[in-house]
Every structure is written in C-alpha cells, then in structure tokens.
Amino acid sequence: MSAEASAIVRSRDSALTIERTLASLRSQTADVEIIIVDSGSSDGTLEIANRLADELIEIPFERFTYGYALNVGAGAAGAPFHFALSSHCAAPRADWVERSLGHYSREDVAATNGYHAFPDGTPMLETFHQTLAHARAHPYWGFSNHASSWRASVWEEHPFDEGLDAAEDREWALRVLGAGWVVAFDPGLVVDMSHAWRGGPRNSYERMLRCARAIGSFTPVPTYGPRQLVREWWSQFPDRRHPAVLYRLDYRRAAGLLGKYAGQRRASRRG
C-alpha cells in the first residue's frame, strides 16, 4: 500500500538528534515514507539514516541550500502530500501527520504549519487560514519548513527557490498565496524549535541576519532602524508564555534582533 505522506528530513552531522526525529515519524498513526536528504555528514548520521529511513539521498555540501534539498527530496517523494521535518526536531504527537492531512479536506489549503501565537503574541486557539494580504503585512511571521507539509501538486507548480540561503519557506508561501491558495496554521501542530537557539548569541545573530537579508530581497519590509529595534526588544514579544522581563533579558533574542537590523540594512543597500 502506498504511503499517505512523504516526510523529507534534511540532515548534516545530526547523529545526536536524528534517531529521535525518525522514530517520531515511524510512530505516526498515518503511513509515512521517510526520505533523508543529507549534505555531507561524517558523524554517524548516514548509518542511522540507512537503518531507519526508506530512502537516503546524498548531496554535496557545496550544493546545499534549504530550497535545493527540499526540491531533491520532494522530487523523490511518492505520496500526494509532503512533509518537511528538521533533523533536530521530532513530531510532538502520534497523530501529527494525520492531523495535518485532515486540513486538506478544505480544497484551497496548500500547506500546513503549527503556530502557538499570532504576530502580536496573542495565543492561537484554533486553526487560522492565512491569505496573501496577511502574509505581506507580517513578513517575519508565517510558513516554516522546520516542520511543515504541502500538497505535492502545489509543489510541482511552485518548487522552492534554490538560490536563497534562508527564508525559502516564506518566499514559497508568498508565491503560493498569490496563486489563490491558503496556508492552515494549527496550534495542535506546533513542533518545538529550541534547536534554533543552539550555538548561543552568535548563532542567533547570524541566523536572523540571513533571514532578514533574504526576506528583504523578495518582499517589502517595514522600516527597521535603531528605534524599531529597541521598541521590539522592549515591548513586542513572540508570545505570552513567559513574563516580559524574561524576553528582555534573553541575550539570544537580543542578538537575533541585532541580526535582523543588520540583515535589513544589507537588503536595502543591495536593493
């Protein structure tokens, strides 16, 4: 019997985490085909992938971009719905894939994602269907390929941009939304992203710099100078799960905001 979904896991030196990732996919209530796209691992990742995945595809590290790796995986996928899951993440529930697939009963849903809060930090209590107008108004909030799904038929018409070094997910969503689709954001599909903080403030700075630079290259973004940076640091928080003082004292968040500022400046100079 054919798999209901194909999961694409991008990896590189992920031996410490990928077994948990793959186990979470194997334990799903839906039948999942697992495809690993590896870009030069040398730490044991390949041995784990060969043991637990249905297919292992190796690409040169020099060729890697997020969009390219996803396109390679999607091209090999056999199911009508594709999932992306970071090798540092794990599906949080056994029905994560099944719950995602349920959203495709609505014919205009192109993709799914998990989110716990809206751009202003208000908790998301039920599924939200994002349109192009909303995505354009909030360019730093939206579709994320750390844990997502999409229709294979939509990807065939709109593959991921292989030239971006970050934010390929946001760029893809804008094109798809512009074609008349919606993206379903379900708080029940949230997958932990704490891996994004690995590496301390330097990693946070560089990650947000790349993201801001990339987003500024394909969509208009609001002015983000020193005043806007300070305002966001002091009063604009990603959600309401923690007291404001903890967000203000989080040096990794502060480093990320500095990276956002630097990235937007570079994007504006390049434009």
C-alpha atoms as a PDB file:
ATOM      1  CA  MET A   1       0.000   0.000   0.000  1.00  0.00           C
ATOM      2  CA  SER A   2       1.291   3.464  -0.898  1.00  0.00           C
ATOM      3  CA  ALA A   3       2.244   5.827   1.909  1.00  0.00           C
ATOM      4  CA  GLU A   4      -0.223   8.556   2.820  1.00  0.00           C
ATOM      5  CA  ALA A   5       2.582  11.080   3.239  1.00  0.00           C
ATOM      6  CA  SER A   6       6.257  11.503   2.405  1.00  0.00           C
ATOM      7  CA  ALA A   7       8.474  13.112   5.054  1.00  0.00           C
ATOM      8  CA  ILE A   8      11.640  14.900   3.912  1.00  0.00           C
ATOM      9  CA  VAL A   9      14.311  15.225   6.591  1.00  0.00           C
ATOM     10  CA  ARG A  10      17.330  17.420   5.792  1.00  0.00           C
ATOM     11  CA  SER A  11      20.433  16.440   7.699  1.00  0.00           C
ATOM     12  CA  ARG A  12      24.095  17.180   8.210  1.00  0.00           C
ATOM     13  CA  ASP A  13      26.008  15.826  11.197  1.00  0.00           C
ATOM     14  CA  SER A  14      22.762  15.183  13.082  1.00  0.00           C
ATOM     15  CA  ALA A  15      23.695  11.902  14.775  1.00  0.00           C
ATOM     16  CA  LEU A  16      22.722  13.207  18.224  1.00  0.00           C
ATOM     17  CA  THR A  17      19.142  14.025  17.230  1.00  0.00           C
ATOM     18  CA  ILE A  18      18.079  12.313  14.009  1.00  0.00           C
ATOM     19  CA  GLU A  19      17.182   8.955  15.546  1.00  0.00           C
ATOM     20  CA  ARG A  20      14.558  10.676  17.699  1.00  0.00           C
ATOM     21  CA  THR A  21      13.304  12.534  14.617  1.00  0.00           C
ATOM     22  CA  LEU A  22      12.905   9.362  12.577  1.00  0.00           C
ATOM     23  CA  ALA A  23      11.375   7.411  15.468  1.00  0.00           C
ATOM     24  CA  SER A  24       8.709  10.100  15.835  1.00  0.00           C
ATOM     25  CA  LEU A  25       7.816   9.654  12.165  1.00  0.00           C
ATOM     26  CA  ARG A  26       7.792   5.859  12.361  1.00  0.00           C
ATOM     27  CA  SER A  27       5.345   6.012  15.284  1.00  0.00           C
ATOM     28  CA  GLN A  28       2.743   8.062  13.395  1.00  0.00           C
ATOM     29  CA  THR A  29      -0.836   6.852  13.044  1.00  0.00           C
ATOM     30  CA  ALA A  30      -0.544   7.516   9.288  1.00  0.00           C
ATOM     31  CA  ASP A  31       1.753   5.563   6.972  1.00  0.00           C
ATOM     32  CA  VAL A  32       4.793   7.754   6.252  1.00  0.00           C
ATOM     33  CA  GLU A  33       7.537   7.356   3.666  1.00  0.00           C
ATOM     34  CA  ILE A  34      10.783   8.784   5.112  1.00  0.00           C
ATOM     35  CA  ILE A  35      13.334  10.399   2.795  1.00  0.00           C
ATOM     36  CA  ILE A  36      16.634  11.730   4.134  1.00  0.00           C
ATOM     37  CA  VAL A  37      18.491  14.385   2.154  1.00  0.00           C
ATOM     38  CA  ASP A  38      21.986  14.591   3.631  1.00  0.00           C
ATOM     39  CA  SER A  39      24.574  17.213   2.739  1.00  0.00           C
ATOM     40  CA  GLY A  40      27.893  15.755   3.831  1.00  0.00           C
ATOM     41  CA  SER A  41      27.516  14.131   7.258  1.00  0.00           C
ATOM     42  CA  SER A  42      30.586  12.494   8.784  1.00  0.00           C
ATOM     43  CA  ASP A  43      29.409  11.769  12.341  1.00  0.00           C
ATOM     44  CA  GLY A  44      27.280   8.630  12.047  1.00  0.00           C
ATOM     45  CA  THR A  45      24.150  10.285  10.658  1.00  0.00           C
ATOM     46  CA  LEU A  46      24.300   8.188   7.491  1.00  0.00           C
ATOM     47  CA  GLU A  47      24.400   4.916   9.411  1.00  0.00           C
ATOM     48  CA  ILE A  48      21.273   5.887  11.350  1.00  0.00           C
ATOM     49  CA  ALA A  49      19.538   7.091   8.186  1.00  0.00           C
ATOM     50  CA  ASN A  50      20.307   3.856   6.329  1.00  0.00           C
ATOM     51  CA  ARG A  51      18.790   1.895   9.190  1.00  0.00           C
ATOM     52  CA  LEU A  52      15.611   3.906   9.732  1.00  0.00           C
ATOM     53  CA  ALA A  53      14.745   5.740   6.505  1.00  0.00           C
ATOM     54  CA  ASP A  54      13.117   4.455   3.338  1.00  0.00           C
ATOM     55  CA  GLU A  55      15.495   6.387   1.114  1.00  0.00           C
ATOM     56  CA  LEU A  56      18.763   8.227   1.675  1.00  0.00           C
ATOM     57  CA  ILE A  57      19.858  10.844  -0.845  1.00  0.00           C
ATOM     58  CA  GLU A  58      23.285  12.423  -0.521  1.00  0.00           C
ATOM     59  CA  ILE A  59      24.019  15.852  -1.995  1.00  0.00           C
ATOM     60  CA  PRO A  60      27.338  17.756  -1.933  1.00  0.00           C
ATOM     61  CA  PHE A  61      27.687  20.228   0.920  1.00  0.00           C
ATOM     62  CA  GLU A  62      28.721  22.907  -1.591  1.00  0.00           C
ATOM     63  CA  ARG A  63      25.419  22.450  -3.434  1.00  0.00           C
ATOM     64  CA  PHE A  64      23.257  22.777  -0.345  1.00  0.00           C
ATOM     65  CA  THR A  65      20.549  25.352   0.095  1.00  0.00           C
ATOM     66  CA  TYR A  66      17.344  24.691   2.006  1.00  0.00           C
ATOM     67  CA  GLY A  67      15.307  25.028  -1.160  1.00  0.00           C
ATOM     68  CA  TYR A  68      17.538  22.712  -3.170  1.00  0.00           C
ATOM     69  CA  ALA A  69      17.485  19.985  -0.508  1.00  0.00           C
ATOM     70  CA  LEU A  70      13.702  20.175  -0.254  1.00  0.00           C
ATOM     71  CA  ASN A  71      13.268  20.051  -4.016  1.00  0.00           C
ATOM     72  CA  VAL A  72      15.523  16.997  -4.230  1.00  0.00           C
ATOM     73  CA  GLY A  73      13.517  15.260  -1.512  1.00  0.00           C
ATOM     74  CA  ALA A  74      10.163  16.258  -2.967  1.00  0.00           C
ATOM     75  CA  GLY A  75      11.254  15.006  -6.369  1.00  0.00           C
ATOM     76  CA  ALA A  76      11.866  11.566  -4.884  1.00  0.00           C
ATOM     77  CA  ALA A  77       8.673  11.530  -2.775  1.00  0.00           C
ATOM     78  CA  GLY A  78       5.861   9.249  -3.839  1.00  0.00           C
ATOM     79  CA  ALA A  79       2.940  10.419  -1.687  1.00  0.00           C
ATOM     80  CA  PRO A  80       0.407  13.127  -2.590  1.00  0.00           C
ATOM     81  CA  PHE A  81       1.365  15.148   0.496  1.00  0.00           C
ATOM     82  CA  HIS A  82       4.902  16.073   1.509  1.00  0.00           C
ATOM     83  CA  PHE A  83       6.187  16.912   4.984  1.00  0.00           C
ATOM     84  CA  ALA A  84       9.390  18.675   5.988  1.00  0.00           C
ATOM     85  CA  LEU A  85      10.844  17.987   9.424  1.00  0.00           C
ATOM     86  CA  SER A  86      14.199  19.242  10.660  1.00  0.00           C
ATOM     87  CA  SER A  87      16.633  16.561  11.807  1.00  0.00           C
ATOM     88  CA  HIS A  88      16.809  18.467  15.109  1.00  0.00           C
ATOM     89  CA  CYS A  89      13.036  18.225  15.668  1.00  0.00           C
ATOM     90  CA  ALA A  90      10.547  15.481  16.494  1.00  0.00           C
ATOM     91  CA  ALA A  91       6.845  15.164  15.795  1.00  0.00           C
ATOM     92  CA  PRO A  92       5.185  16.008  19.134  1.00  0.00           C
ATOM     93  CA  ARG A  93       2.256  13.616  18.824  1.00  0.00           C
ATOM     94  CA  ALA A  94       1.479  10.305  17.139  1.00  0.00           C
ATOM     95  CA  ASP A  95      -1.259  11.884  15.026  1.00  0.00           C
ATOM     96  CA  TRP A  96       0.838  14.867  13.880  1.00  0.00           C
ATOM     97  CA  VAL A  97       0.813  13.712  10.246  1.00  0.00           C
ATOM     98  CA  GLU A  98      -2.805  12.547  10.382  1.00  0.00           C
ATOM     99  CA  ARG A  99      -3.948  15.844  11.887  1.00  0.00           C
ATOM    100  CA  SER A 100      -2.081  17.763   9.181  1.00  0.00           C
ATOM    101  CA  LEU A 101      -3.644  15.653   6.438  1.00  0.00           C
ATOM    102  CA  GLY A 102      -7.092  16.424   7.810  1.00  0.00           C
ATOM    103  CA  HIS A 103      -6.699  20.077   6.827  1.00  0.00           C
ATOM    104  CA  TYR A 104      -6.527  19.139   3.154  1.00  0.00           C
ATOM    105  CA  SER A 105     -10.233  18.295   3.149  1.00  0.00           C
ATOM    106  CA  ARG A 106     -10.538  22.022   2.509  1.00  0.00           C
ATOM    107  CA  GLU A 107      -9.703  22.267  -1.181  1.00  0.00           C
ATOM    108  CA  ASP A 108      -7.922  25.634  -1.065  1.00  0.00           C
ATOM    109  CA  VAL A 109      -5.374  24.591   1.587  1.00  0.00           C
ATOM    110  CA  ALA A 110      -1.922  24.339   0.000  1.00  0.00           C
ATOM    111  CA  ALA A 111       0.134  23.729   3.140  1.00  0.00           C
ATOM    112  CA  THR A 112       0.032  23.330   6.917  1.00  0.00           C
ATOM    113  CA  ASN A 113       2.104  24.556   9.836  1.00  0.00           C
ATOM    114  CA  GLY A 114       1.938  24.741  13.604  1.00  0.00           C
ATOM    115  CA  TYR A 115       1.878  28.075  15.436  1.00  0.00           C
ATOM    116  CA  HIS A 116       1.035  28.951  19.028  1.00  0.00           C
ATOM    117  CA  ALA A 117       0.601  32.725  18.654  1.00  0.00           C
ATOM    118  CA  PHE A 118      -0.271  35.425  16.143  1.00  0.00           C
ATOM    119  CA  PRO A 119       2.256  38.129  15.147  1.00  0.00           C
ATOM    120  CA  ASP A 120       1.186  40.324  18.083  1.00  0.00           C
ATOM    121  CA  GLY A 121       1.732  37.487  20.577  1.00  0.00           C
ATOM    122  CA  THR A 122      -1.970  36.686  21.038  1.00  0.00           C
ATOM    123  CA  PRO A 123      -2.402  32.934  21.586  1.00  0.00           C
ATOM    124  CA  MET A 124      -3.738  30.982  18.612  1.00  0.00           C
ATOM    125  CA  LEU A 125      -6.621  28.875  19.901  1.00  0.00           C
ATOM    126  CA  GLU A 126      -7.934  27.415  16.653  1.00  0.00           C
ATOM    127  CA  THR A 127      -6.844  26.920  13.052  1.00  0.00           C
ATOM    128  CA  PHE A 128      -6.041  30.112  11.159  1.00  0.00           C
ATOM    129  CA  HIS A 129      -6.064  30.220   7.363  1.00  0.00           C
ATOM    130  CA  GLN A 130      -3.503  32.731   6.140  1.00  0.00           C
ATOM    131  CA  THR A 131      -4.082  34.757   2.985  1.00  0.00           C
ATOM    132  CA  LEU A 132      -1.663  36.770   0.853  1.00  0.00           C
ATOM    133  CA  ALA A 133      -2.701  40.064   2.470  1.00  0.00           C
ATOM    134  CA  HIS A 134      -1.865  38.756   5.939  1.00  0.00           C
ATOM    135  CA  ALA A 135       1.494  37.326   4.821  1.00  0.00           C
ATOM    136  CA  ARG A 136       2.501  40.608   3.185  1.00  0.00           C
ATOM    137  CA  ALA A 137       1.545  42.535   6.312  1.00  0.00           C
ATOM    138  CA  HIS A 138       3.665  40.237   8.528  1.00  0.00           C
ATOM    139  CA  PRO A 139       6.744  39.189   6.509  1.00  0.00           C
ATOM    140  CA  TYR A 140       8.600  37.773   9.540  1.00  0.00           C
ATOM    141  CA  TRP A 141       5.699  35.558  10.640  1.00  0.00           C
ATOM    142  CA  GLY A 142       4.463  32.560   8.745  1.00  0.00           C
ATOM    143  CA  PHE A 143       5.220  29.305   6.981  1.00  0.00           C
ATOM    144  CA  SER A 144       8.277  27.496   8.362  1.00  0.00           C
ATOM    145  CA  ASN A 145       9.900  24.389   6.927  1.00  0.00           C
ATOM    146  CA  HIS A 146      11.331  23.235  10.248  1.00  0.00           C
ATOM    147  CA  ALA A 147       8.021  21.295  10.458  1.00  0.00           C
ATOM    148  CA  SER A 148       5.515  21.728   7.651  1.00  0.00           C
ATOM    149  CA  SER A 149       3.508  19.986   4.967  1.00  0.00           C
ATOM    150  CA  TRP A 150       2.266  20.826   1.467  1.00  0.00           C
ATOM    151  CA  ARG A 151       0.360  19.315  -1.432  1.00  0.00           C
ATOM    152  CA  ALA A 152       2.677  17.600  -3.907  1.00  0.00           C
ATOM    153  CA  SER A 153       0.620  19.059  -6.748  1.00  0.00           C
ATOM    154  CA  VAL A 154       1.214  22.600  -5.458  1.00  0.00           C
ATOM    155  CA  TRP A 155       4.954  21.982  -5.112  1.00  0.00           C
ATOM    156  CA  GLU A 156       5.093  20.717  -8.707  1.00  0.00           C
ATOM    157  CA  GLU A 157       3.794  24.102  -9.873  1.00  0.00           C
ATOM    158  CA  HIS A 158       5.726  26.099  -7.279  1.00  0.00           C
ATOM    159  CA  PRO A 159       9.044  24.470  -6.307  1.00  0.00           C
ATOM    160  CA  PHE A 160      11.185  26.081  -3.624  1.00  0.00           C
ATOM    161  CA  ASP A 161      13.659  28.793  -4.594  1.00  0.00           C
ATOM    162  CA  GLU A 162      17.097  27.162  -4.626  1.00  0.00           C
ATOM    163  CA  GLY A 163      19.016  30.439  -4.731  1.00  0.00           C
ATOM    164  CA  LEU A 164      18.061  31.721  -1.272  1.00  0.00           C
ATOM    165  CA  ASP A 165      20.308  30.943   1.686  1.00  0.00           C
ATOM    166  CA  ALA A 166      17.384  31.424   4.118  1.00  0.00           C
ATOM    167  CA  ALA A 167      13.618  32.082   4.216  1.00  0.00           C
ATOM    168  CA  GLU A 168      12.850  29.801   1.265  1.00  0.00           C
ATOM    169  CA  ASP A 169       9.678  28.868   3.147  1.00  0.00           C
ATOM    170  CA  ARG A 170       8.410  32.469   3.409  1.00  0.00           C
ATOM    171  CA  GLU A 171       9.191  33.147  -0.257  1.00  0.00           C
ATOM    172  CA  TRP A 172       7.399  29.952  -1.332  1.00  0.00           C
ATOM    173  CA  ALA A 173       4.345  30.815   0.749  1.00  0.00           C
ATOM    174  CA  LEU A 174       4.061  34.265  -0.822  1.00  0.00           C
ATOM    175  CA  ARG A 175       4.045  32.766  -4.317  1.00  0.00           C
ATOM    176  CA  VAL A 176       1.527  30.092  -3.374  1.00  0.00           C
ATOM    177  CA  LEU A 177      -0.755  32.524  -1.543  1.00  0.00           C
ATOM    178  CA  GLY A 178      -0.508  34.829  -4.537  1.00  0.00           C
ATOM    179  CA  ALA A 179      -1.853  31.982  -6.682  1.00  0.00           C
ATOM    180  CA  GLY A 180      -5.029  31.887  -4.576  1.00  0.00           C
ATOM    181  CA  TRP A 181      -4.239  29.182  -2.007  1.00  0.00           C
ATOM    182  CA  VAL A 182      -4.279  29.491   1.796  1.00  0.00           C
ATOM    183  CA  VAL A 183      -1.943  28.060   4.453  1.00  0.00           C
ATOM    184  CA  ALA A 184      -3.504  26.405   7.509  1.00  0.00           C
ATOM    185  CA  PHE A 185      -1.833  27.249  10.844  1.00  0.00           C
ATOM    186  CA  ASP A 186      -2.938  24.860  13.585  1.00  0.00           C
ATOM    187  CA  PRO A 187      -1.792  25.262  17.221  1.00  0.00           C
ATOM    188  CA  GLY A 188      -2.094  21.482  17.556  1.00  0.00           C
ATOM    189  CA  LEU A 189       0.739  21.024  15.046  1.00  0.00           C
ATOM    190  CA  VAL A 190       3.391  23.067  16.863  1.00  0.00           C
ATOM    191  CA  VAL A 191       6.832  21.452  16.802  1.00  0.00           C
ATOM    192  CA  ASP A 192       9.485  22.683  19.232  1.00  0.00           C
ATOM    193  CA  MET A 193      12.105  24.954  17.646  1.00  0.00           C
ATOM    194  CA  SER A 194      14.527  25.195  20.556  1.00  0.00           C
ATOM    195  CA  HIS A 195      17.262  23.849  18.264  1.00  0.00           C
ATOM    196  CA  ALA A 196      17.249  27.261  16.598  1.00  0.00           C
ATOM    197  CA  TRP A 197      18.909  28.693  19.740  1.00  0.00           C
ATOM    198  CA  ARG A 198      21.830  26.276  19.626  1.00  0.00           C
ATOM    199  CA  GLY A 199      25.196  27.967  19.325  1.00  0.00           C
ATOM    200  CA  GLY A 200      24.347  30.908  21.567  1.00  0.00           C
ATOM    201  CA  PRO A 201      24.059  34.572  20.599  1.00  0.00           C
ATOM    202  CA  ARG A 202      26.379  34.333  17.594  1.00  0.00           C
ATOM    203  CA  ASN A 203      24.160  31.695  16.000  1.00  0.00           C
ATOM    204  CA  SER A 204      21.047  33.774  16.765  1.00  0.00           C
ATOM    205  CA  TYR A 205      22.608  36.857  15.207  1.00  0.00           C
ATOM    206  CA  GLU A 206      23.765  35.123  12.030  1.00  0.00           C
ATOM    207  CA  ARG A 207      20.533  33.184  11.610  1.00  0.00           C
ATOM    208  CA  MET A 208      18.375  36.306  11.799  1.00  0.00           C
ATOM    209  CA  LEU A 209      20.800  38.270   9.628  1.00  0.00           C
ATOM    210  CA  ARG A 210      20.427  35.705   6.835  1.00  0.00           C
ATOM    211  CA  CYS A 211      16.674  35.561   7.300  1.00  0.00           C
ATOM    212  CA  ALA A 212      16.181  39.348   7.243  1.00  0.00           C
ATOM    213  CA  ARG A 213      18.516  39.777   4.293  1.00  0.00           C
ATOM    214  CA  ALA A 214      16.648  37.101   2.340  1.00  0.00           C
ATOM    215  CA  ILE A 215      13.148  38.355   3.202  1.00  0.00           C
ATOM    216  CA  GLY A 216      14.120  41.887   2.236  1.00  0.00           C
ATOM    217  CA  SER A 217      15.222  40.587  -1.162  1.00  0.00           C
ATOM    218  CA  PHE A 218      11.802  39.294  -2.209  1.00  0.00           C
ATOM    219  CA  THR A 219       9.156  41.326  -0.357  1.00  0.00           C
ATOM    220  CA  PRO A 220       8.792  44.848   1.069  1.00  0.00           C
ATOM    221  CA  VAL A 221       9.523  45.023   4.792  1.00  0.00           C
ATOM    222  CA  PRO A 222       8.736  47.783   7.290  1.00  0.00           C
ATOM    223  CA  THR A 223      11.477  50.246   8.218  1.00  0.00           C
ATOM    224  CA  TYR A 224      13.645  48.724  10.928  1.00  0.00           C
ATOM    225  CA  GLY A 225      16.087  51.200  12.399  1.00  0.00           C
ATOM    226  CA  PRO A 226      17.501  51.547  15.921  1.00  0.00           C
ATOM    227  CA  ARG A 227      14.200  52.934  17.234  1.00  0.00           C
ATOM    228  CA  GLN A 228      12.209  49.964  15.884  1.00  0.00           C
ATOM    229  CA  LEU A 229      14.787  47.535  17.240  1.00  0.00           C
ATOM    230  CA  VAL A 230      14.546  48.975  20.752  1.00  0.00           C
ATOM    231  CA  ARG A 231      10.745  49.026  20.590  1.00  0.00           C
ATOM    232  CA  GLU A 232      10.613  45.353  19.579  1.00  0.00           C
ATOM    233  CA  TRP A 233      13.120  44.369  22.265  1.00  0.00           C
ATOM    234  CA  TRP A 234      11.167  46.213  24.972  1.00  0.00           C
ATOM    235  CA  SER A 235       7.526  45.592  24.099  1.00  0.00           C
ATOM    236  CA  GLN A 236       6.973  43.199  21.164  1.00  0.00           C
ATOM    237  CA  PHE A 237       7.218  39.561  22.194  1.00  0.00           C
ATOM    238  CA  PRO A 238       6.707  36.374  20.159  1.00  0.00           C
ATOM    239  CA  ASP A 239       4.054  35.042  22.538  1.00  0.00           C
ATOM    240  CA  ARG A 240       2.727  35.323  26.071  1.00  0.00           C
ATOM    241  CA  ARG A 241       4.125  32.106  27.502  1.00  0.00           C
ATOM    242  CA  HIS A 242       6.785  33.929  29.548  1.00  0.00           C
ATOM    243  CA  PRO A 243       6.913  37.200  31.513  1.00  0.00           C
ATOM    244  CA  ALA A 244       8.104  40.248  29.582  1.00  0.00           C
ATOM    245  CA  VAL A 245      11.200  40.557  31.765  1.00  0.00           C
ATOM    246  CA  LEU A 246      12.459  37.145  30.610  1.00  0.00           C
ATOM    247  CA  TYR A 247      12.204  38.152  26.966  1.00  0.00           C
ATOM    248  CA  ARG A 248      14.045  41.412  27.676  1.00  0.00           C
ATOM    249  CA  LEU A 249      16.844  39.586  29.479  1.00  0.00           C
ATOM    250  CA  ASP A 250      17.238  36.854  26.848  1.00  0.00           C
ATOM    251  CA  TYR A 251      20.601  37.663  25.250  1.00  0.00           C
ATOM    252  CA  ARG A 252      19.920  35.269  22.367  1.00  0.00           C
ATOM    253  CA  ARG A 253      16.762  37.159  21.461  1.00  0.00           C
ATOM    254  CA  ALA A 254      18.660  40.445  21.662  1.00  0.00           C
ATOM    255  CA  ALA A 255      21.351  39.041  19.360  1.00  0.00           C
ATOM    256  CA  GLY A 256      18.646  37.924  16.934  1.00  0.00           C
ATOM    257  CA  LEU A 257      17.138  41.416  16.829  1.00  0.00           C
ATOM    258  CA  LEU A 258      20.574  42.869  16.076  1.00  0.00           C
ATOM    259  CA  GLY A 259      20.902  40.339  13.272  1.00  0.00           C
ATOM    260  CA  LYS A 260      17.504  41.364  11.921  1.00  0.00           C
ATOM    261  CA  TYR A 261      18.626  45.005  11.916  1.00  0.00           C
ATOM    262  CA  ALA A 262      21.887  44.183  10.115  1.00  0.00           C
ATOM    263  CA  GLY A 263      20.148  41.921   7.613  1.00  0.00           C
ATOM    264  CA  GLN A 264      17.573  44.516   6.642  1.00  0.00           C
ATOM    265  CA  ARG A 265      20.277  47.138   6.198  1.00  0.00           C
ATOM    266  CA  ARG A 266      22.156  44.825   3.841  1.00  0.00           C
ATOM    267  CA  ALA A 267      18.990  44.039   1.901  1.00  0.00           C
ATOM    268  CA  SER A 268      18.153  47.725   1.499  1.00  0.00           C
ATOM    269  CA  ARG A 269      21.697  48.539   0.301  1.00  0.00           C
ATOM    270  CA  ARG A 270      21.554  45.703  -2.200  1.00  0.00           C
ATOM    271  CA  GLY A 271      18.142  46.843  -3.439  1.00  0.00           C
END
